[in-house]
Amino acid sequence: MSLASLFGFGPVADVSVILNGEDERQQVEYRAGKDKREKAPLYFDGESVVGKVVVRVHEGKQLEHYGIKVQFIGCIEMFYDRGTHYEFVSLVQELAAPAELTSTAMYNFEFKNVEKQYESYHGINVKLRYFVQATVSKRVGAIAQAKDIWVYSYRVPPEVNSSIRMEVGIEDCLHIEFEYNKSKYHLKDVIVGKIYFLLVRIKIKHMELSIIRRETTGAAPNQYNESETITKFEIMDGAPVRGETIPI
């Protein structure tokens, strides 16, 4: 118990958001901080978000409020510019007019067929989040509580998905050609390709293949790039010869 509560200066009530069927939904675990992971219920684009707001008045207390509302918000937050939030979805429902509460009250809400055009994302410099927030307005300040949801958005595979061919090398010393079967992949896809050694006149000890995730945020000149190696494979050990092919 805090000192404020002990002397009667603490909050007279608390508010919570409960989503219908939350326990039956798939839970998505995400990184909420450096060493912190949280879970949120999964929703899809166009799916309704339904639930209730519960206002619990503490025993022996009385809450005089100036209105209760619930919001559904989708926003993008840049970590390097914490004062700026871009809200691309902002819906609000008024749940109760100004009144006095002496006991627990419950209010139903429904955001019907909500458009959720972007997927949820928590990255290094930016996060895109959706949440339901309940707010109880008071004469001084407000009591608020937010509950995050996670959004997946499925898309039809692209009709054009051409292969990738690249050539790299050092003039008169090394000439390598890479080929990958596709240029676009889904998250559980398999990368298939080949590496051709067209010219080898230098000593090569080994070759590694890395998959790197790159996050780009902002716009020039205030653009930030962060790269993170997801996995790394050693695909060759020893010196190759001209005409040799390594399958990937």
Protein backbone atom coordinates (compact mmCIF):
# COMPACT_ATOMS: atom_id res chain seq x y z
CA MET A 1 0.00 0.00 0.00
CA SER A 2 1.38 3.41 -0.96
CA LEU A 3 1.51 6.36 1.43
CA ALA A 4 -1.02 8.19 -0.75
CA SER A 5 -3.52 5.33 -0.39
CA LEU A 6 -2.83 5.06 3.34
CA PHE A 7 -3.86 8.67 3.94
CA GLY A 8 -6.80 8.57 1.53
CA PHE A 9 -5.18 10.45 -1.35
CA GLY A 10 -4.82 7.47 -3.71
CA PRO A 11 -7.06 6.64 -6.67
CA VAL A 12 -10.68 5.98 -5.81
CA ALA A 13 -11.17 3.56 -8.71
CA ASP A 14 -9.37 1.59 -11.40
CA VAL A 15 -10.42 0.76 -14.95
CA SER A 16 -9.75 -2.33 -17.07
CA VAL A 17 -10.44 -3.47 -20.64
CA ILE A 18 -11.68 -7.04 -21.22
CA LEU A 19 -11.92 -8.36 -24.81
CA ASN A 20 -14.57 -10.95 -25.70
CA GLY A 21 -13.09 -14.41 -26.21
CA GLU A 22 -9.61 -13.20 -25.35
CA ASP A 23 -8.58 -16.46 -23.69
CA GLU A 24 -9.62 -18.54 -26.71
CA ARG A 25 -7.67 -16.45 -29.21
CA GLN A 26 -4.18 -17.22 -30.41
CA GLN A 27 -1.64 -15.23 -28.38
CA VAL A 28 1.31 -13.61 -30.15
CA GLU A 29 4.47 -13.10 -28.12
CA TYR A 30 6.46 -9.98 -28.99
CA ARG A 31 9.48 -8.08 -27.74
CA ALA A 32 8.29 -5.17 -25.61
CA GLY A 33 11.76 -4.09 -24.44
CA LYS A 34 15.38 -5.13 -24.35
CA ASP A 35 14.79 -8.06 -22.00
CA LYS A 36 11.00 -7.95 -21.84
CA ARG A 37 8.48 -10.03 -23.76
CA GLU A 38 4.70 -9.75 -23.68
CA LYS A 39 1.70 -11.45 -25.30
CA ALA A 40 -1.31 -10.00 -27.09
CA PRO A 41 -4.44 -11.59 -28.65
CA LEU A 42 -4.38 -11.97 -32.43
CA TYR A 43 -6.83 -10.12 -34.71
CA PHE A 44 -7.14 -9.74 -38.48
CA ASP A 45 -7.97 -6.92 -40.88
CA GLY A 46 -11.72 -6.25 -40.98
CA GLU A 47 -12.43 -8.16 -37.77
CA SER A 48 -14.60 -6.53 -35.10
CA VAL A 49 -13.08 -5.71 -31.72
CA VAL A 50 -15.67 -6.33 -29.00
CA GLY A 51 -15.42 -6.25 -25.23
CA LYS A 52 -16.26 -4.42 -22.04
CA VAL A 53 -14.83 -1.70 -19.84
CA VAL A 54 -14.98 -2.36 -16.11
CA VAL A 55 -14.72 0.53 -13.64
CA ARG A 56 -14.10 -0.73 -10.10
CA VAL A 57 -14.72 1.79 -7.34
CA HIS A 58 -12.65 1.04 -4.26
CA GLU A 59 -14.54 0.06 -1.14
CA GLY A 60 -15.85 3.05 0.80
CA LYS A 61 -14.99 5.45 -2.04
CA GLN A 62 -17.09 7.50 -4.43
CA LEU A 63 -16.07 8.37 -8.00
CA GLU A 64 -17.35 11.57 -9.54
CA HIS A 65 -16.48 11.37 -13.24
CA TYR A 66 -17.02 13.66 -16.23
CA GLY A 67 -17.59 10.91 -18.79
CA ILE A 68 -16.26 7.48 -19.72
CA LYS A 69 -15.05 6.65 -23.23
CA VAL A 70 -13.27 3.86 -25.08
CA GLN A 71 -10.96 4.29 -28.08
CA PHE A 72 -9.52 1.96 -30.71
CA ILE A 73 -6.18 3.34 -31.89
CA GLY A 74 -3.60 2.26 -34.45
CA CYS A 75 -0.42 4.29 -34.33
CA ILE A 76 3.25 4.40 -35.32
CA GLU A 77 5.76 5.47 -32.68
CA MET A 78 9.36 6.43 -33.46
CA PHE A 79 11.70 5.70 -30.56
CA TYR A 80 14.10 8.51 -31.49
CA ASP A 81 11.21 11.01 -31.58
CA ARG A 82 9.04 9.91 -28.66
CA GLY A 83 6.94 13.06 -28.69
CA THR A 84 5.55 12.30 -32.16
CA HIS A 85 2.92 9.61 -32.76
CA TYR A 86 1.25 9.07 -36.13
CA GLU A 87 -2.30 7.76 -35.64
CA PHE A 88 -3.69 6.08 -38.77
CA VAL A 89 -6.78 4.67 -36.98
CA SER A 90 -8.64 6.54 -34.25
CA LEU A 91 -12.17 5.51 -33.28
CA VAL A 92 -14.00 6.55 -30.14
CA GLN A 93 -17.22 5.56 -28.35
CA GLU A 94 -18.76 7.43 -25.43
CA LEU A 95 -19.82 4.90 -22.81
CA ALA A 96 -21.26 7.03 -20.00
CA ALA A 97 -22.27 10.62 -19.34
CA PRO A 98 -20.96 12.49 -16.25
CA ALA A 99 -22.19 10.84 -13.04
CA GLU A 100 -21.21 9.54 -9.62
CA LEU A 101 -20.28 5.90 -9.03
CA THR A 102 -20.18 4.14 -5.68
CA SER A 103 -19.79 0.56 -6.94
CA THR A 104 -18.38 -1.39 -9.88
CA ALA A 105 -19.85 -0.52 -13.28
CA MET A 106 -19.50 -2.38 -16.59
CA TYR A 107 -19.90 -0.96 -20.12
CA ASN A 108 -20.00 -2.94 -23.39
CA PHE A 109 -18.34 -1.68 -26.57
CA GLU A 110 -18.01 -2.85 -30.18
CA PHE A 111 -15.78 -1.50 -32.94
CA LYS A 112 -17.40 -3.22 -35.89
CA ASN A 113 -15.39 -4.52 -38.89
CA VAL A 114 -12.37 -2.36 -38.07
CA GLU A 115 -9.91 -1.74 -40.89
CA LYS A 116 -6.40 -2.70 -39.79
CA GLN A 117 -4.41 -2.05 -42.93
CA TYR A 118 -0.93 -2.60 -41.46
CA GLU A 119 0.58 -5.47 -39.51
CA SER A 120 1.74 -4.98 -35.93
CA TYR A 121 5.49 -4.51 -35.63
CA HIS A 122 7.93 -3.92 -32.78
CA GLY A 123 11.39 -3.11 -34.09
CA ILE A 124 14.60 -1.43 -33.03
CA ASN A 125 13.66 2.18 -33.80
CA VAL A 126 9.92 2.01 -34.43
CA LYS A 127 6.78 0.18 -33.41
CA LEU A 128 3.36 -0.07 -35.00
CA ARG A 129 0.73 -0.97 -32.45
CA TYR A 130 -3.03 -1.31 -32.07
CA PHE A 131 -4.69 -0.91 -28.69
CA VAL A 132 -8.03 -0.35 -26.97
CA GLN A 133 -7.93 2.41 -24.35
CA ALA A 134 -10.57 3.19 -21.75
CA THR A 135 -10.55 6.62 -20.11
CA VAL A 136 -12.51 7.90 -17.11
CA SER A 137 -12.38 11.71 -17.08
CA LYS A 138 -12.23 13.48 -13.71
CA ARG A 139 -12.22 17.08 -12.59
CA VAL A 140 -8.47 16.79 -12.27
CA GLY A 141 -6.76 14.31 -14.56
CA ALA A 142 -8.13 10.97 -15.72
CA ILE A 143 -7.98 7.22 -15.05
CA ALA A 144 -6.91 5.32 -18.18
CA GLN A 145 -6.02 1.77 -19.12
CA ALA A 146 -4.86 0.38 -22.50
CA LYS A 147 -4.86 -3.17 -23.85
CA ASP A 148 -2.76 -4.05 -26.89
CA ILE A 149 -3.83 -6.43 -29.63
CA TRP A 150 -1.65 -7.95 -32.37
CA VAL A 151 -2.64 -7.79 -36.04
CA TYR A 152 -1.69 -10.07 -38.93
CA SER A 153 -2.59 -9.09 -42.48
CA TYR A 154 -2.50 -11.75 -45.20
CA ARG A 155 -1.95 -10.80 -48.83
CA VAL A 156 -2.23 -12.68 -52.13
CA PRO A 157 1.22 -13.87 -53.36
CA PRO A 158 2.66 -11.63 -56.08
CA GLU A 159 2.02 -12.71 -59.68
CA VAL A 160 5.51 -11.70 -60.78
CA ASN A 161 8.28 -13.22 -58.67
CA SER A 162 11.37 -13.30 -60.87
CA SER A 163 14.69 -14.88 -59.96
CA ILE A 164 17.72 -12.92 -58.78
CA ARG A 165 21.07 -13.03 -60.60
CA MET A 166 24.11 -11.07 -59.37
CA GLU A 167 27.75 -10.98 -60.36
CA VAL A 168 30.55 -9.94 -58.02
CA GLY A 169 34.28 -10.18 -58.18
CA ILE A 170 37.73 -8.67 -58.39
CA GLU A 171 39.06 -7.93 -61.83
CA ASP A 172 41.29 -10.76 -63.20
CA CYS A 173 41.26 -12.44 -59.76
CA LEU A 174 37.77 -13.61 -58.84
CA HIS A 175 34.46 -13.80 -60.64
CA ILE A 176 31.41 -15.25 -58.83
CA GLU A 177 27.80 -15.42 -59.96
CA PHE A 178 24.87 -15.84 -57.53
CA GLU A 179 21.44 -17.04 -58.53
CA TYR A 180 18.30 -17.32 -56.34
CA ASN A 181 15.03 -18.83 -57.51
CA LYS A 182 12.79 -15.97 -56.29
CA SER A 183 13.02 -12.32 -55.27
CA LYS A 184 10.08 -12.37 -52.82
CA TYR A 185 9.55 -14.87 -50.01
CA HIS A 186 7.02 -15.48 -47.27
CA LEU A 187 8.15 -15.86 -43.65
CA LYS A 188 8.31 -19.68 -43.73
CA ASP A 189 9.72 -19.97 -47.24
CA VAL A 190 12.85 -21.82 -48.38
CA ILE A 191 15.61 -19.95 -50.21
CA VAL A 192 16.98 -22.02 -53.09
CA GLY A 193 19.89 -20.98 -55.26
CA LYS A 194 23.38 -21.62 -56.65
CA ILE A 195 26.77 -19.98 -56.57
CA TYR A 196 28.99 -20.33 -59.63
CA PHE A 197 32.76 -19.79 -59.60
CA LEU A 198 33.63 -18.49 -63.07
CA LEU A 199 37.19 -17.37 -62.27
CA VAL A 200 39.33 -18.18 -59.23
CA ARG A 201 42.91 -16.86 -59.05
CA ILE A 202 43.12 -16.06 -55.33
CA LYS A 203 43.13 -18.29 -52.28
CA ILE A 204 39.74 -18.53 -50.57
CA LYS A 205 39.53 -20.09 -47.09
CA HIS A 206 35.78 -20.36 -46.66
CA MET A 207 32.42 -18.82 -47.60
CA GLU A 208 29.50 -17.81 -45.36
CA LEU A 209 25.91 -16.97 -46.18
CA SER A 210 24.02 -14.61 -43.85
CA ILE A 211 20.35 -13.65 -43.68
CA ILE A 212 20.11 -10.05 -42.47
CA ARG A 213 17.00 -8.16 -41.40
CA ARG A 214 17.23 -4.44 -42.11
CA GLU A 215 14.91 -1.84 -40.60
CA THR A 216 14.71 1.59 -42.27
CA THR A 217 12.83 4.39 -40.52
CA GLY A 218 12.29 8.06 -41.26
CA ALA A 219 13.08 9.96 -44.44
CA ALA A 220 16.26 11.58 -45.67
CA PRO A 221 18.14 13.39 -44.25
CA ASN A 222 16.78 11.97 -40.94
CA GLN A 223 16.83 8.32 -41.98
CA TYR A 224 17.95 5.54 -39.67
CA ASN A 225 19.08 2.08 -40.76
CA GLU A 226 19.53 -0.82 -38.36
CA SER A 227 20.75 -4.26 -39.46
CA GLU A 228 20.47 -7.49 -37.49
CA THR A 229 21.90 -10.86 -38.54
CA ILE A 230 19.16 -13.47 -38.21
CA THR A 231 21.25 -16.52 -39.03
CA LYS A 232 24.57 -17.46 -40.62
CA PHE A 233 25.67 -20.57 -42.53
CA GLU A 234 29.12 -21.72 -43.62
CA ILE A 235 28.49 -23.06 -47.11
CA MET A 236 32.06 -23.74 -48.25
CA ASP A 237 35.31 -24.73 -46.57
CA GLY A 238 38.48 -24.73 -48.64
CA ALA A 239 39.47 -23.35 -52.02
CA PRO A 240 37.05 -23.68 -54.97
CA VAL A 241 38.13 -24.23 -58.56
CA ARG A 242 36.89 -22.65 -61.75
CA GLY A 243 33.57 -24.12 -62.87
CA GLU A 244 32.59 -25.31 -59.39
CA THR A 245 28.96 -24.82 -58.28
CA ILE A 246 27.68 -24.61 -54.71
CA PRO A 247 23.94 -25.33 -54.22
CA ILE A 248 22.05 -23.33 -51.58
